[in-house]
Amino acid sequence: MKEVRSIKLTSLSNEKEKEILLLLQQQGQCIYGEIIRQTNLSYSKGKEVIYSLVSKGYVRYVGRTTKIELAIELK
């Protein structure tokens, strides 16, 4: 599998994914629950979107915490 280093934000079709990526770009790291709260997602939908971003390699967990950070560069 090819490792993703950077993406163009305009290439994403999911608006909530874009919103989360921009939030992480602005804040550096953010706690899981705070991401869900700031994006006005339900817990289950927030979990689904964050999992999608993690599985794509766009974000990653910081150590063994619930903090999440960008794993790529946004263009």
Protein backbone atom coordinates (compact mmCIF):
# COMPACT_ATOMS: atom_id res chain seq x y z
CA MET A 1 0.00 0.00 0.00
CA LYS A 2 1.33 3.42 -0.95
CA GLU A 3 1.84 5.79 1.98
CA VAL A 4 -0.01 9.08 1.62
CA ARG A 5 2.20 12.12 2.35
CA SER A 6 -0.10 14.96 1.33
CA ILE A 7 -3.54 15.54 -0.12
CA LYS A 8 -5.44 18.39 -1.68
CA LEU A 9 -8.37 19.23 0.52
CA THR A 10 -10.49 19.82 -2.57
CA SER A 11 -10.00 16.16 -3.54
CA LEU A 12 -12.15 15.01 -0.61
CA SER A 13 -15.89 14.73 -1.11
CA ASN A 14 -16.83 14.20 2.56
CA GLU A 15 -17.39 17.62 4.15
CA LYS A 16 -17.01 16.31 7.72
CA GLU A 17 -13.66 14.74 6.85
CA LYS A 18 -12.55 18.11 5.47
CA GLU A 19 -13.80 19.86 8.60
CA ILE A 20 -11.89 17.49 10.88
CA LEU A 21 -8.69 17.80 8.85
CA LEU A 22 -8.89 21.60 8.95
CA LEU A 23 -9.55 21.53 12.71
CA LEU A 24 -6.45 19.39 13.23
CA GLN A 25 -4.41 21.62 10.95
CA GLN A 26 -5.38 24.64 13.07
CA GLN A 27 -5.01 23.02 16.49
CA GLY A 28 -2.20 20.54 15.92
CA GLN A 29 -3.62 17.86 18.20
CA CYS A 30 -7.14 17.43 19.45
CA ILE A 31 -8.85 15.04 21.82
CA TYR A 32 -11.26 12.61 20.16
CA GLY A 33 -14.33 13.91 22.01
CA GLU A 34 -13.45 17.52 21.27
CA ILE A 35 -13.34 16.78 17.54
CA ILE A 36 -16.80 15.26 17.74
CA ARG A 37 -18.12 18.21 19.76
CA GLN A 38 -16.65 20.90 17.50
CA THR A 39 -17.94 19.26 14.34
CA ASN A 40 -21.45 18.74 15.77
CA LEU A 41 -21.44 15.04 14.99
CA SER A 42 -23.17 12.32 16.98
CA TYR A 43 -20.75 10.04 18.79
CA SER A 44 -21.35 7.13 16.40
CA LYS A 45 -21.04 9.28 13.25
CA GLY A 46 -17.94 11.04 14.64
CA LYS A 47 -16.36 7.70 15.45
CA GLU A 48 -17.11 6.51 11.91
CA VAL A 49 -15.57 9.59 10.23
CA ILE A 50 -12.48 9.57 12.45
CA TYR A 51 -11.98 5.84 11.85
CA SER A 52 -12.23 6.48 8.11
CA LEU A 53 -9.52 9.16 8.34
CA VAL A 54 -7.28 6.89 10.44
CA SER A 55 -7.71 3.97 8.04
CA LYS A 56 -6.82 6.21 5.07
CA GLY A 57 -3.66 7.31 6.89
CA TYR A 58 -4.72 10.98 7.03
CA VAL A 59 -4.72 11.20 10.85
CA ARG A 60 -3.16 9.17 13.65
CA TYR A 61 -3.47 8.72 17.38
CA VAL A 62 -0.78 10.33 19.53
CA GLY A 63 0.78 7.50 21.52
CA ARG A 64 -1.77 5.63 23.61
CA THR A 65 -3.99 8.63 24.16
CA THR A 66 -7.27 9.82 22.67
CA LYS A 67 -5.46 12.73 21.02
CA ILE A 68 -5.44 12.76 17.26
CA GLU A 69 -3.13 14.67 14.90
CA LEU A 70 -2.61 15.00 11.17
CA ALA A 71 -0.46 12.32 9.62
CA ILE A 72 -0.24 14.15 6.28
CA GLU A 73 0.25 17.61 4.86
CA LEU A 74 -2.82 19.45 3.58
CA LYS A 75 -2.58 21.39 0.33
